[in-house]
Amino acid sequence: MTGAAVVPVELVHAMGGELGFSTVLTAYGLTESCGTVTMCRRTDPAELARRHQRRSEAEQVDFFLRLFLQGDVPAASRTRLLEYARNAHNNPVPVYWTAQDAADQRVRSLCHLVLTLPEFQLD
C-alpha cells in the first residue's frame, strides 16, 4: 500500500512488474483528522483522461462528472470545478517534477475534488 504523498505511476507499475506485487493500492486519509479512507484501483485518473482523449479542462471536468455522477451535479458545482481546473496550473509543484508530472497531478486533483462532492459521498 502506498500513500501519504504523491506516488508516481511509474513506481506503482514497477511495484507490480519488478517486485511482483499482484495488487498495489494507493490510500489517503489514514492518519488525518478523520477516519475516512479512500482507495483507488490501478487506473490513474490522468492516464484514464489521456486514454479517452480528454485534453481540455472542460472535457476533463465533464468526463469525471459523467464517470462518477452521471453528470448529475448542480451547474454551480461544475463551474467551480472548471474554475479550479483552469487555475490549477498556478499551484506550486516540487521543482523535480516534470511538466507532465504537474499536468497529471492537476488531473488527479480534479478527480479527487469530484469524488469529494457531496453528491458522490451521499450516493
PDB file of N, CA and C in Angstrom:
ATOM      1  N   MET A   1       0.850  -1.166   0.000  1.00  0.00           N
ATOM      2  CA  MET A   1       0.000   0.000   0.000  1.00  0.00           C
ATOM      3  C   MET A   1       0.898   1.233   0.000  1.00  0.00           C
ATOM      4  N   THR A   2       0.530   2.193  -0.828  1.00  0.00           N
ATOM      5  CA  THR A   2       1.259   3.451  -0.876  1.00  0.00           C
ATOM      6  C   THR A   2       0.353   4.538  -0.325  1.00  0.00           C
ATOM      7  N   GLY A   3       0.908   5.692  -0.039  1.00  0.00           N
ATOM      8  CA  GLY A   3       0.075   6.788   0.416  1.00  0.00           C
ATOM      9  C   GLY A   3       0.875   7.869   1.096  1.00  0.00           C
ATOM     10  N   ALA A   4       0.189   8.869   1.586  1.00  0.00           N
ATOM     11  CA  ALA A   4       0.738   9.995   2.338  1.00  0.00           C
ATOM     12  C   ALA A   4       1.494  10.984   1.465  1.00  0.00           C
ATOM     13  N   ALA A   5       1.701  10.691   0.228  1.00  0.00           N
ATOM     14  CA  ALA A   5       2.393  11.590  -0.685  1.00  0.00           C
ATOM     15  C   ALA A   5       2.023  11.176  -2.107  1.00  0.00           C
ATOM     16  N   VAL A   6       2.341  12.025  -3.032  1.00  0.00           N
ATOM     17  CA  VAL A   6       2.104  11.699  -4.430  1.00  0.00           C
ATOM     18  C   VAL A   6       3.028  10.545  -4.812  1.00  0.00           C
ATOM     19  N   VAL A   7       2.442   9.508  -5.378  1.00  0.00           N
ATOM     20  CA  VAL A   7       3.204   8.333  -5.780  1.00  0.00           C
ATOM     21  C   VAL A   7       3.193   8.278  -7.300  1.00  0.00           C
ATOM     22  N   PRO A   8       4.372   8.356  -7.932  1.00  0.00           N
ATOM     23  CA  PRO A   8       4.413   8.330  -9.395  1.00  0.00           C
ATOM     24  C   PRO A   8       3.820   7.036  -9.952  1.00  0.00           C
ATOM     25  N   VAL A   9       3.118   7.140 -11.059  1.00  0.00           N
ATOM     26  CA  VAL A   9       2.522   5.978 -11.705  1.00  0.00           C
ATOM     27  C   VAL A   9       3.594   4.956 -12.039  1.00  0.00           C
ATOM     28  N   GLU A  10       4.770   5.420 -12.451  1.00  0.00           N
ATOM     29  CA  GLU A  10       5.859   4.506 -12.808  1.00  0.00           C
ATOM     30  C   GLU A  10       6.255   3.622 -11.630  1.00  0.00           C
ATOM     31  N   LEU A  11       6.224   4.186 -10.420  1.00  0.00           N
ATOM     32  CA  LEU A  11       6.559   3.409  -9.230  1.00  0.00           C
ATOM     33  C   LEU A  11       5.529   2.315  -8.997  1.00  0.00           C
ATOM     34  N   VAL A  12       4.262   2.650  -9.164  1.00  0.00           N
ATOM     35  CA  VAL A  12       3.212   1.653  -8.984  1.00  0.00           C
ATOM     36  C   VAL A  12       3.366   0.542 -10.009  1.00  0.00           C
ATOM     37  N   HIS A  13       3.654   0.893 -11.263  1.00  0.00           N
ATOM     38  CA  HIS A  13       3.868  -0.119 -12.297  1.00  0.00           C
ATOM     39  C   HIS A  13       5.085  -0.978 -11.962  1.00  0.00           C
ATOM     40  N   ALA A  14       6.144  -0.345 -11.469  1.00  0.00           N
ATOM     41  CA  ALA A  14       7.358  -1.094 -11.110  1.00  0.00           C
ATOM     42  C   ALA A  14       7.098  -2.037  -9.938  1.00  0.00           C
ATOM     43  N   MET A  15       6.278  -1.624  -9.006  1.00  0.00           N
ATOM     44  CA  MET A  15       5.960  -2.498  -7.874  1.00  0.00           C
ATOM     45  C   MET A  15       5.299  -3.778  -8.365  1.00  0.00           C
ATOM     46  N   GLY A  16       4.458  -3.642  -9.381  1.00  0.00           N
ATOM     47  CA  GLY A  16       3.824  -4.828  -9.941  1.00  0.00           C
ATOM     48  C   GLY A  16       4.742  -5.613 -10.847  1.00  0.00           C
ATOM     49  N   GLY A  17       5.465  -4.902 -11.729  1.00  0.00           N
ATOM     50  CA  GLY A  17       6.310  -5.570 -12.718  1.00  0.00           C
ATOM     51  C   GLY A  17       7.607  -6.121 -12.171  1.00  0.00           C
ATOM     52  N   GLU A  18       8.337  -5.306 -11.417  1.00  0.00           N
ATOM     53  CA  GLU A  18       9.658  -5.714 -10.952  1.00  0.00           C
ATOM     54  C   GLU A  18       9.626  -6.446  -9.615  1.00  0.00           C
ATOM     55  N   LEU A  19       8.727  -6.034  -8.732  1.00  0.00           N
ATOM     56  CA  LEU A  19       8.670  -6.662  -7.415  1.00  0.00           C
ATOM     57  C   LEU A  19       7.642  -7.792  -7.347  1.00  0.00           C
ATOM     58  N   GLY A  20       6.816  -7.896  -8.377  1.00  0.00           N
ATOM     59  CA  GLY A  20       5.873  -8.999  -8.453  1.00  0.00           C
ATOM     60  C   GLY A  20       4.627  -8.850  -7.599  1.00  0.00           C
ATOM     61  N   PHE A  21       4.328  -7.625  -7.137  1.00  0.00           N
ATOM     62  CA  PHE A  21       3.114  -7.431  -6.344  1.00  0.00           C
ATOM     63  C   PHE A  21       1.908  -7.653  -7.247  1.00  0.00           C
ATOM     64  N   SER A  22       0.951  -8.426  -6.789  1.00  0.00           N
ATOM     65  CA  SER A  22      -0.246  -8.649  -7.595  1.00  0.00           C
ATOM     66  C   SER A  22      -1.242  -7.507  -7.446  1.00  0.00           C
ATOM     67  N   THR A  23      -1.199  -6.817  -6.326  1.00  0.00           N
ATOM     68  CA  THR A  23      -2.102  -5.695  -6.073  1.00  0.00           C
ATOM     69  C   THR A  23      -1.330  -4.553  -5.440  1.00  0.00           C
ATOM     70  N   VAL A  24      -1.520  -3.355  -5.973  1.00  0.00           N
ATOM     71  CA  VAL A  24      -0.929  -2.154  -5.389  1.00  0.00           C
ATOM     72  C   VAL A  24      -2.068  -1.186  -5.144  1.00  0.00           C
ATOM     73  N   LEU A  25      -2.223  -0.752  -3.910  1.00  0.00           N
ATOM     74  CA  LEU A  25      -3.280   0.179  -3.548  1.00  0.00           C
ATOM     75  C   LEU A  25      -2.676   1.504  -3.134  1.00  0.00           C
ATOM     76  N   THR A  26      -3.332   2.584  -3.502  1.00  0.00           N
ATOM     77  CA  THR A  26      -2.947   3.900  -3.022  1.00  0.00           C
ATOM     78  C   THR A  26      -4.064   4.357  -2.105  1.00  0.00           C
ATOM     79  N   ALA A  27      -3.716   4.705  -0.875  1.00  0.00           N
ATOM     80  CA  ALA A  27      -4.732   5.092   0.097  1.00  0.00           C
ATOM     81  C   ALA A  27      -4.408   6.456   0.676  1.00  0.00           C
ATOM     82  N   TYR A  28      -5.433   7.209   0.965  1.00  0.00           N
ATOM     83  CA  TYR A  28      -5.302   8.539   1.548  1.00  0.00           C
ATOM     84  C   TYR A  28      -6.214   8.626   2.756  1.00  0.00           C
ATOM     85  N   GLY A  29      -5.892   9.466   3.682  1.00  0.00           N
ATOM     86  CA  GLY A  29      -6.761   9.705   4.815  1.00  0.00           C
ATOM     87  C   GLY A  29      -6.531   8.771   5.981  1.00  0.00           C
ATOM     88  N   LEU A  30      -5.403   8.079   5.996  1.00  0.00           N
ATOM     89  CA  LEU A  30      -5.173   7.087   7.032  1.00  0.00           C
ATOM     90  C   LEU A  30      -4.891   7.705   8.394  1.00  0.00           C
ATOM     91  N   THR A  31      -4.252   8.852   8.447  1.00  0.00           N
ATOM     92  CA  THR A  31      -3.887   9.428   9.740  1.00  0.00           C
ATOM     93  C   THR A  31      -4.349  10.863   9.915  1.00  0.00           C
ATOM     94  N   GLU A  32      -5.102  11.380   8.954  1.00  0.00           N
ATOM     95  CA  GLU A  32      -5.542  12.753   9.061  1.00  0.00           C
ATOM     96  C   GLU A  32      -6.635  12.888  10.117  1.00  0.00           C
ATOM     97  N   SER A  33      -7.356  13.948  10.103  1.00  0.00           N
ATOM     98  CA  SER A  33      -8.270  14.299  11.186  1.00  0.00           C
ATOM     99  C   SER A  33      -9.552  13.479  11.252  1.00  0.00           C
ATOM    100  N   CYS A  34      -9.769  12.595  10.310  1.00  0.00           N
ATOM    101  CA  CYS A  34     -10.995  11.802  10.377  1.00  0.00           C
ATOM    102  C   CYS A  34     -10.689  10.346  10.062  1.00  0.00           C
ATOM    103  N   GLY A  35     -11.672   9.515  10.231  1.00  0.00           N
ATOM    104  CA  GLY A  35     -11.474   8.092   9.994  1.00  0.00           C
ATOM    105  C   GLY A  35     -11.770   7.661   8.577  1.00  0.00           C
ATOM    106  N   THR A  36     -11.936   8.611   7.665  1.00  0.00           N
ATOM    107  CA  THR A  36     -12.262   8.281   6.283  1.00  0.00           C
ATOM    108  C   THR A  36     -11.029   7.815   5.538  1.00  0.00           C
ATOM    109  N   VAL A  37     -11.171   6.761   4.794  1.00  0.00           N
ATOM    110  CA  VAL A  37     -10.087   6.255   3.964  1.00  0.00           C
ATOM    111  C   VAL A  37     -10.640   6.069   2.564  1.00  0.00           C
ATOM    112  N   THR A  38      -9.929   6.561   1.571  1.00  0.00           N
ATOM    113  CA  THR A  38     -10.320   6.311   0.187  1.00  0.00           C
ATOM    114  C   THR A  38      -9.188   5.583  -0.497  1.00  0.00           C
ATOM    115  N   MET A  39      -9.540   4.684  -1.372  1.00  0.00           N
ATOM    116  CA  MET A  39      -8.523   3.901  -2.073  1.00  0.00           C
ATOM    117  C   MET A  39      -8.865   3.888  -3.556  1.00  0.00           C
ATOM    118  N   CYS A  40      -7.866   3.632  -4.359  1.00  0.00           N
ATOM    119  CA  CYS A  40      -8.119   3.606  -5.792  1.00  0.00           C
ATOM    120  C   CYS A  40      -7.585   2.316  -6.405  1.00  0.00           C
ATOM    121  N   ARG A  41      -8.116   2.006  -7.565  1.00  0.00           N
ATOM    122  CA  ARG A  41      -7.621   0.859  -8.306  1.00  0.00           C
ATOM    123  C   ARG A  41      -6.356   1.264  -9.045  1.00  0.00           C
ATOM    124  N   ARG A  42      -5.850   0.373  -9.834  1.00  0.00           N
ATOM    125  CA  ARG A  42      -4.612   0.634 -10.567  1.00  0.00           C
ATOM    126  C   ARG A  42      -4.743   1.759 -11.579  1.00  0.00           C
ATOM    127  N   THR A  43      -5.941   2.053 -12.017  1.00  0.00           N
ATOM    128  CA  THR A  43      -6.129   3.075 -13.040  1.00  0.00           C
ATOM    129  C   THR A  43      -5.840   4.453 -12.475  1.00  0.00           C
ATOM    130  N   ASP A  44      -4.936   5.142 -13.116  1.00  0.00           N
ATOM    131  CA  ASP A  44      -4.588   6.501 -12.737  1.00  0.00           C
ATOM    132  C   ASP A  44      -5.540   7.455 -13.450  1.00  0.00           C
ATOM    133  N   PRO A  45      -6.159   8.410 -12.737  1.00  0.00           N
ATOM    134  CA  PRO A  45      -7.091   9.331 -13.390  1.00  0.00           C
ATOM    135  C   PRO A  45      -6.475  10.071 -14.575  1.00  0.00           C
ATOM    136  N   ALA A  46      -5.209  10.468 -14.458  1.00  0.00           N
ATOM    137  CA  ALA A  46      -4.558  11.179 -15.564  1.00  0.00           C
ATOM    138  C   ALA A  46      -4.413  10.266 -16.783  1.00  0.00           C
ATOM    139  N   GLU A  47      -4.061   9.006 -16.525  1.00  0.00           N
ATOM    140  CA  GLU A  47      -3.933   8.031 -17.609  1.00  0.00           C
ATOM    141  C   GLU A  47      -5.295   7.782 -18.260  1.00  0.00           C
ATOM    142  N   LEU A  48      -6.327   7.697 -17.431  1.00  0.00           N
ATOM    143  CA  LEU A  48      -7.680   7.468 -17.923  1.00  0.00           C
ATOM    144  C   LEU A  48      -8.146   8.629 -18.798  1.00  0.00           C
ATOM    145  N   ALA A  49      -7.896   9.849 -18.363  1.00  0.00           N
ATOM    146  CA  ALA A  49      -8.280  11.017 -19.161  1.00  0.00           C
ATOM    147  C   ALA A  49      -7.547  11.022 -20.501  1.00  0.00           C
ATOM    148  N   ARG A  50      -6.253  10.663 -20.487  1.00  0.00           N
ATOM    149  CA  ARG A  50      -5.496  10.602 -21.748  1.00  0.00           C
ATOM    150  C   ARG A  50      -6.055   9.516 -22.663  1.00  0.00           C
ATOM    151  N   ARG A  51      -6.347   8.352 -22.097  1.00  0.00           N
ATOM    152  CA  ARG A  51      -6.856   7.231 -22.888  1.00  0.00           C
ATOM    153  C   ARG A  51      -8.162   7.601 -23.585  1.00  0.00           C
ATOM    154  N   HIS A  52      -8.966   8.425 -22.931  1.00  0.00           N
ATOM    155  CA  HIS A  52     -10.248   8.843 -23.502  1.00  0.00           C
ATOM    156  C   HIS A  52     -10.160  10.198 -24.195  1.00  0.00           C
ATOM    157  N   GLN A  53      -8.930  10.655 -24.405  1.00  0.00           N
ATOM    158  CA  GLN A  53      -8.638  11.887 -25.148  1.00  0.00           C
ATOM    159  C   GLN A  53      -9.374  13.096 -24.595  1.00  0.00           C
ATOM    160  N   ARG A  54      -9.376  13.220 -23.265  1.00  0.00           N
ATOM    161  CA  ARG A  54      -9.953  14.388 -22.600  1.00  0.00           C
ATOM    162  C   ARG A  54      -8.808  15.326 -22.272  1.00  0.00           C
ATOM    163  N   ARG A  55      -8.585  16.299 -23.138  1.00  0.00           N
ATOM    164  CA  ARG A  55      -7.409  17.162 -23.007  1.00  0.00           C
ATOM    165  C   ARG A  55      -7.708  18.501 -22.349  1.00  0.00           C
ATOM    166  N   SER A  56      -8.828  19.111 -22.715  1.00  0.00           N
ATOM    167  CA  SER A  56      -9.127  20.436 -22.159  1.00  0.00           C
ATOM    168  C   SER A  56      -9.688  20.289 -20.744  1.00  0.00           C
ATOM    169  N   GLU A  57      -9.631  21.375 -20.007  1.00  0.00           N
ATOM    170  CA  GLU A  57     -10.157  21.358 -18.647  1.00  0.00           C
ATOM    171  C   GLU A  57     -11.644  21.019 -18.644  1.00  0.00           C
ATOM    172  N   ALA A  58     -12.394  21.611 -19.560  1.00  0.00           N
ATOM    173  CA  ALA A  58     -13.840  21.359 -19.621  1.00  0.00           C
ATOM    174  C   ALA A  58     -14.122  19.886 -19.946  1.00  0.00           C
ATOM    175  N   GLU A  59     -13.363  19.318 -20.865  1.00  0.00           N
ATOM    176  CA  GLU A  59     -13.547  17.905 -21.202  1.00  0.00           C
ATOM    177  C   GLU A  59     -13.239  17.015 -20.001  1.00  0.00           C
ATOM    178  N   GLN A  60     -12.204  17.350 -19.243  1.00  0.00           N
ATOM    179  CA  GLN A  60     -11.842  16.551 -18.075  1.00  0.00           C
ATOM    180  C   GLN A  60     -12.898  16.667 -16.982  1.00  0.00           C
ATOM    181  N   VAL A  61     -13.364  17.882 -16.715  1.00  0.00           N
ATOM    182  CA  VAL A  61     -14.411  18.079 -15.707  1.00  0.00           C
ATOM    183  C   VAL A  61     -15.650  17.265 -16.083  1.00  0.00           C
ATOM    184  N   ASP A  62     -16.109  17.410 -17.306  1.00  0.00           N
ATOM    185  CA  ASP A  62     -17.313  16.703 -17.746  1.00  0.00           C
ATOM    186  C   ASP A  62     -17.106  15.191 -17.735  1.00  0.00           C
ATOM    187  N   PHE A  63     -15.916  14.740 -18.107  1.00  0.00           N
ATOM    188  CA  PHE A  63     -15.606  13.306 -18.129  1.00  0.00           C
ATOM    189  C   PHE A  63     -15.745  12.701 -16.740  1.00  0.00           C
ATOM    190  N   PHE A  64     -15.106  13.327 -15.736  1.00  0.00           N
ATOM    191  CA  PHE A  64     -15.161  12.771 -14.386  1.00  0.00           C
ATOM    192  C   PHE A  64     -16.543  12.940 -13.756  1.00  0.00           C
ATOM    193  N   LEU A  65     -17.237  14.005 -14.070  1.00  0.00           N
ATOM    194  CA  LEU A  65     -18.607  14.157 -13.571  1.00  0.00           C
ATOM    195  C   LEU A  65     -19.529  13.093 -14.153  1.00  0.00           C
ATOM    196  N   ARG A  66     -19.376  12.787 -15.434  1.00  0.00           N
ATOM    197  CA  ARG A  66     -20.191  11.723 -16.041  1.00  0.00           C
ATOM    198  C   ARG A  66     -19.793  10.355 -15.509  1.00  0.00           C
ATOM    199  N   LEU A  67     -18.491  10.140 -15.356  1.00  0.00           N
ATOM    200  CA  LEU A  67     -17.995   8.842 -14.908  1.00  0.00           C
ATOM    201  C   LEU A  67     -18.497   8.498 -13.509  1.00  0.00           C
ATOM    202  N   PHE A  68     -18.413   9.450 -12.589  1.00  0.00           N
ATOM    203  CA  PHE A  68     -18.740   9.162 -11.199  1.00  0.00           C
ATOM    204  C   PHE A  68     -20.144   9.574 -10.777  1.00  0.00           C
ATOM    205  N   LEU A  69     -20.735  10.528 -11.485  1.00  0.00           N
ATOM    206  CA  LEU A  69     -22.037  11.053 -11.054  1.00  0.00           C
ATOM    207  C   LEU A  69     -23.056  11.149 -12.187  1.00  0.00           C
ATOM    208  N   GLN A  70     -22.769  10.530 -13.309  1.00  0.00           N
ATOM    209  CA  GLN A  70     -23.651  10.580 -14.470  1.00  0.00           C
ATOM    210  C   GLN A  70     -23.989  12.016 -14.853  1.00  0.00           C
ATOM    211  N   GLY A  71     -23.083  12.938 -14.509  1.00  0.00           N
ATOM    212  CA  GLY A  71     -23.263  14.348 -14.851  1.00  0.00           C
ATOM    213  C   GLY A  71     -24.301  15.062 -14.008  1.00  0.00           C
ATOM    214  N   ASP A  72     -24.831  14.381 -13.008  1.00  0.00           N
ATOM    215  CA  ASP A  72     -25.929  14.923 -12.207  1.00  0.00           C
ATOM    216  C   ASP A  72     -25.405  15.768 -11.046  1.00  0.00           C
ATOM    217  N   VAL A  73     -24.945  16.965 -11.359  1.00  0.00           N
ATOM    218  CA  VAL A  73     -24.474  17.913 -10.340  1.00  0.00           C
ATOM    219  C   VAL A  73     -25.034  19.297 -10.664  1.00  0.00           C
ATOM    220  N   PRO A  74     -25.183  20.124  -9.648  1.00  0.00           N
ATOM    221  CA  PRO A  74     -25.644  21.496  -9.918  1.00  0.00           C
ATOM    222  C   PRO A  74     -24.656  22.234 -10.821  1.00  0.00           C
ATOM    223  N   ALA A  75     -25.171  23.130 -11.615  1.00  0.00           N
ATOM    224  CA  ALA A  75     -24.317  23.910 -12.518  1.00  0.00           C
ATOM    225  C   ALA A  75     -23.235  24.655 -11.751  1.00  0.00           C
ATOM    226  N   ALA A  76     -23.541  25.119 -10.555  1.00  0.00           N
ATOM    227  CA  ALA A  76     -22.555  25.849  -9.751  1.00  0.00           C
ATOM    228  C   ALA A  76     -21.369  24.950  -9.381  1.00  0.00           C
ATOM    229  N   SER A  77     -21.623  23.676  -9.129  1.00  0.00           N
ATOM    230  CA  SER A  77     -20.531  22.744  -8.805  1.00  0.00           C
ATOM    231  C   SER A  77     -19.626  22.545 -10.014  1.00  0.00           C
ATOM    232  N   ARG A  78     -20.241  22.364 -11.176  1.00  0.00           N
ATOM    233  CA  ARG A  78     -19.450  22.200 -12.390  1.00  0.00           C
ATOM    234  C   ARG A  78     -18.606  23.444 -12.649  1.00  0.00           C
ATOM    235  N   THR A  79     -19.207  24.619 -12.456  1.00  0.00           N
ATOM    236  CA  THR A  79     -18.494  25.874 -12.679  1.00  0.00           C
ATOM    237  C   THR A  79     -17.291  25.994 -11.752  1.00  0.00           C
ATOM    238  N   ARG A  80     -17.468  25.647 -10.486  1.00  0.00           N
ATOM    239  CA  ARG A  80     -16.349  25.732  -9.524  1.00  0.00           C
ATOM    240  C   ARG A  80     -15.246  24.738  -9.878  1.00  0.00           C
ATOM    241  N   LEU A  81     -15.619  23.530 -10.294  1.00  0.00           N
ATOM    242  CA  LEU A  81     -14.610  22.554 -10.714  1.00  0.00           C
ATOM    243  C   LEU A  81     -13.850  23.051 -11.939  1.00  0.00           C
ATOM    244  N   LEU A  82     -14.572  23.643 -12.865  1.00  0.00           N
ATOM    245  CA  LEU A  82     -13.933  24.170 -14.071  1.00  0.00           C
ATOM    246  C   LEU A  82     -13.001  25.324 -13.729  1.00  0.00           C
ATOM    247  N   GLU A  83     -13.407  26.195 -12.821  1.00  0.00           N
ATOM    248  CA  GLU A  83     -12.524  27.280 -12.381  1.00  0.00           C
ATOM    249  C   GLU A  83     -11.256  26.720 -11.743  1.00  0.00           C
ATOM    250  N   TYR A  84     -11.419  25.693 -10.897  1.00  0.00           N
ATOM    251  CA  TYR A  84     -10.242  25.063 -10.286  1.00  0.00           C
ATOM    252  C   TYR A  84      -9.318  24.514 -11.379  1.00  0.00           C
ATOM    253  N   ALA A  85      -9.898  23.757 -12.305  1.00  0.00           N
ATOM    254  CA  ALA A  85      -9.084  23.131 -13.354  1.00  0.00           C
ATOM    255  C   ALA A  85      -8.349  24.176 -14.190  1.00  0.00           C
ATOM    256  N   ARG A  86      -8.999  25.279 -14.469  1.00  0.00           N
ATOM    257  CA  ARG A  86      -8.370  26.317 -15.292  1.00  0.00           C
ATOM    258  C   ARG A  86      -7.287  27.084 -14.540  1.00  0.00           C
ATOM    259  N   ASN A  87      -7.371  27.118 -13.212  1.00  0.00           N
ATOM    260  CA  ASN A  87      -6.389  27.862 -12.420  1.00  0.00           C
ATOM    261  C   ASN A  87      -5.368  26.982 -11.716  1.00  0.00           C
ATOM    262  N   ALA A  88      -5.518  25.673 -11.806  1.00  0.00           N
ATOM    263  CA  ALA A  88      -4.645  24.758 -11.065  1.00  0.00           C
ATOM    264  C   ALA A  88      -3.186  24.851 -11.506  1.00  0.00           C
ATOM    265  N   HIS A  89      -2.944  25.287 -12.729  1.00  0.00           N
ATOM    266  CA  HIS A  89      -1.549  25.399 -13.183  1.00  0.00           C
ATOM    267  C   HIS A  89      -0.769  26.439 -12.381  1.00  0.00           C
ATOM    268  N   ASN A  90      -1.474  27.290 -11.621  1.00  0.00           N
ATOM    269  CA  ASN A  90      -0.805  28.282 -10.775  1.00  0.00           C
ATOM    270  C   ASN A  90      -0.345  27.697  -9.440  1.00  0.00           C
ATOM    271  N   ASN A  91      -0.818  26.484  -9.115  1.00  0.00           N
ATOM    272  CA  ASN A  91      -0.426  25.858  -7.854  1.00  0.00           C
ATOM    273  C   ASN A  91       1.035  25.423  -7.918  1.00  0.00           C
ATOM    274  N   PRO A  92       1.791  25.644  -6.846  1.00  0.00           N
ATOM    275  CA  PRO A  92       3.203  25.232  -6.849  1.00  0.00           C
ATOM    276  C   PRO A  92       3.340  23.713  -6.849  1.00  0.00           C
ATOM    277  N   VAL A  93       4.373  23.250  -7.502  1.00  0.00           N
ATOM    278  CA  VAL A  93       4.700  21.821  -7.529  1.00  0.00           C
ATOM    279  C   VAL A  93       6.180  21.669  -7.188  1.00  0.00           C
ATOM    280  N   PRO A  94       6.584  20.493  -6.753  1.00  0.00           N
ATOM    281  CA  PRO A  94       8.011  20.286  -6.459  1.00  0.00           C
ATOM    282  C   PRO A  94       8.883  20.582  -7.682  1.00  0.00           C
ATOM    283  N   VAL A  95      10.048  21.108  -7.443  1.00  0.00           N
ATOM    284  CA  VAL A  95      10.934  21.516  -8.538  1.00  0.00           C
ATOM    285  C   VAL A  95      11.408  20.336  -9.381  1.00  0.00           C
ATOM    286  N   TYR A  96      11.404  19.153  -8.816  1.00  0.00           N
ATOM    287  CA  TYR A  96      11.894  17.986  -9.549  1.00  0.00           C
ATOM    288  C   TYR A  96      10.820  17.337 -10.423  1.00  0.00           C
ATOM    289  N   TRP A  97       9.582  17.849 -10.382  1.00  0.00           N
ATOM    290  CA  TRP A  97       8.529  17.314 -11.239  1.00  0.00           C
ATOM    291  C   TRP A  97       8.719  17.803 -12.663  1.00  0.00           C
ATOM    292  N   THR A  98       8.411  16.938 -13.595  1.00  0.00           N
ATOM    293  CA  THR A  98       8.392  17.342 -14.997  1.00  0.00           C
ATOM    294  C   THR A  98       7.070  18.051 -15.271  1.00  0.00           C
ATOM    295  N   ALA A  99       6.988  18.665 -16.436  1.00  0.00           N
ATOM    296  CA  ALA A  99       5.732  19.314 -16.822  1.00  0.00           C
ATOM    297  C   ALA A  99       4.601  18.286 -16.877  1.00  0.00           C
ATOM    298  N   GLN A 100       4.905  17.071 -17.324  1.00  0.00           N
ATOM    299  CA  GLN A 100       3.892  16.012 -17.391  1.00  0.00           C
ATOM    300  C   GLN A 100       3.452  15.587 -15.989  1.00  0.00           C
ATOM    301  N   ASP A 101       4.415  15.495 -15.046  1.00  0.00           N
ATOM    302  CA  ASP A 101       4.062  15.173 -13.658  1.00  0.00           C
ATOM    303  C   ASP A 101       3.068  16.204 -13.115  1.00  0.00           C
ATOM    304  N   ALA A 102       3.338  17.471 -13.360  1.00  0.00           N
ATOM    305  CA  ALA A 102       2.475  18.539 -12.866  1.00  0.00           C
ATOM    306  C   ALA A 102       1.095  18.470 -13.521  1.00  0.00           C
ATOM    307  N   ALA A 103       1.057  18.236 -14.824  1.00  0.00           N
ATOM    308  CA  ALA A 103      -0.222  18.129 -15.529  1.00  0.00           C
ATOM    309  C   ALA A 103      -1.029  16.941 -15.012  1.00  0.00           C
ATOM    310  N   ASP A 104      -0.349  15.813 -14.806  1.00  0.00           N
ATOM    311  CA  ASP A 104      -1.032  14.621 -14.297  1.00  0.00           C
ATOM    312  C   ASP A 104      -1.584  14.868 -12.898  1.00  0.00           C
ATOM    313  N   GLN A 105      -0.832  15.563 -12.071  1.00  0.00           N
ATOM    314  CA  GLN A 105      -1.298  15.841 -10.721  1.00  0.00           C
ATOM    315  C   GLN A 105      -2.524  16.757 -10.730  1.00  0.00           C
ATOM    316  N   ARG A 106      -2.577  17.672 -11.673  1.00  0.00           N
ATOM    317  CA  ARG A 106      -3.757  18.537 -11.780  1.00  0.00           C
ATOM    318  C   ARG A 106      -4.999  17.703 -12.102  1.00  0.00           C
ATOM    319  N   VAL A 107      -4.851  16.724 -12.992  1.00  0.00           N
ATOM    320  CA  VAL A 107      -5.984  15.850 -13.335  1.00  0.00           C
ATOM    321  C   VAL A 107      -6.366  14.998 -12.125  1.00  0.00           C
ATOM    322  N   ARG A 108      -5.373  14.469 -11.421  1.00  0.00           N
ATOM    323  CA  ARG A 108      -5.662  13.661 -10.227  1.00  0.00           C
ATOM    324  C   ARG A 108      -6.389  14.503  -9.169  1.00  0.00           C
ATOM    325  N   SER A 109      -5.947  15.740  -8.999  1.00  0.00           N
ATOM    326  CA  SER A 109      -6.587  16.627  -8.017  1.00  0.00           C
ATOM    327  C   SER A 109      -8.026  16.924  -8.413  1.00  0.00           C
ATOM    328  N   LEU A 110      -8.253  17.138  -9.694  1.00  0.00           N
ATOM    329  CA  LEU A 110      -9.607  17.373 -10.183  1.00  0.00           C
ATOM    330  C   LEU A 110     -10.487  16.157  -9.897  1.00  0.00           C
ATOM    331  N   CYS A 111      -9.983  14.988 -10.190  1.00  0.00           N
ATOM    332  CA  CYS A 111     -10.726  13.754  -9.930  1.00  0.00           C
ATOM    333  C   CYS A 111     -11.034  13.638  -8.437  1.00  0.00           C
ATOM    334  N   HIS A 112     -10.058  13.952  -7.603  1.00  0.00           N
ATOM    335  CA  HIS A 112     -10.256  13.907  -6.155  1.00  0.00           C
ATOM    336  C   HIS A 112     -11.382  14.858  -5.731  1.00  0.00           C
ATOM    337  N   LEU A 113     -11.395  16.047  -6.310  1.00  0.00           N
ATOM    338  CA  LEU A 113     -12.453  17.008  -5.976  1.00  0.00           C
ATOM    339  C   LEU A 113     -13.832  16.478  -6.363  1.00  0.00           C
ATOM    340  N   VAL A 114     -13.924  15.825  -7.513  1.00  0.00           N
ATOM    341  CA  VAL A 114     -15.203  15.235  -7.925  1.00  0.00           C
ATOM    342  C   VAL A 114     -15.637  14.173  -6.912  1.00  0.00           C
ATOM    343  N   LEU A 115     -14.683  13.364  -6.466  1.00  0.00           N
ATOM    344  CA  LEU A 115     -15.011  12.294  -5.520  1.00  0.00           C
ATOM    345  C   LEU A 115     -15.364  12.812  -4.130  1.00  0.00           C
ATOM    346  N   THR A 116     -15.010  14.051  -3.831  1.00  0.00           N
ATOM    347  CA  THR A 116     -15.358  14.616  -2.527  1.00  0.00           C
ATOM    348  C   THR A 116     -16.617  15.481  -2.572  1.00  0.00           C
ATOM    349  N   LEU A 117     -17.239  15.587  -3.725  1.00  0.00           N
ATOM    350  CA  LEU A 117     -18.517  16.316  -3.824  1.00  0.00           C
ATOM    351  C   LEU A 117     -19.569  15.616  -2.968  1.00  0.00           C
ATOM    352  N   PRO A 118     -20.430  16.379  -2.325  1.00  0.00           N
ATOM    353  CA  PRO A 118     -21.498  15.751  -1.526  1.00  0.00           C
ATOM    354  C   PRO A 118     -22.349  14.781  -2.349  1.00  0.00           C
ATOM    355  N   GLU A 119     -22.576  15.091  -3.613  1.00  0.00           N
ATOM    356  CA  GLU A 119     -23.385  14.217  -4.460  1.00  0.00           C
ATOM    357  C   GLU A 119     -22.762  12.827  -4.587  1.00  0.00           C
ATOM    358  N   PHE A 120     -21.429  12.745  -4.607  1.00  0.00           N
ATOM    359  CA  PHE A 120     -20.771  11.441  -4.696  1.00  0.00           C
ATOM    360  C   PHE A 120     -20.777  10.757  -3.350  1.00  0.00           C
ATOM    361  N   GLN A 121     -20.505  11.518  -2.291  1.00  0.00           N
ATOM    362  CA  GLN A 121     -20.430  10.953  -0.951  1.00  0.00           C
ATOM    363  C   GLN A 121     -21.776  10.393  -0.491  1.00  0.00           C
ATOM    364  N   LEU A 122     -22.864  10.993  -0.927  1.00  0.00           N
ATOM    365  CA  LEU A 122     -24.199  10.581  -0.459  1.00  0.00           C
ATOM    366  C   LEU A 122     -24.886   9.598  -1.390  1.00  0.00           C
ATOM    367  N   ASP A 123     -24.269   9.314  -2.515  1.00  0.00           N
ATOM    368  CA  ASP A 123     -24.909   8.439  -3.492  1.00  0.00           C
ATOM    369  C   ASP A 123     -24.801   6.986  -3.075  1.00  0.00           C
TER     370      ASP A 123
END
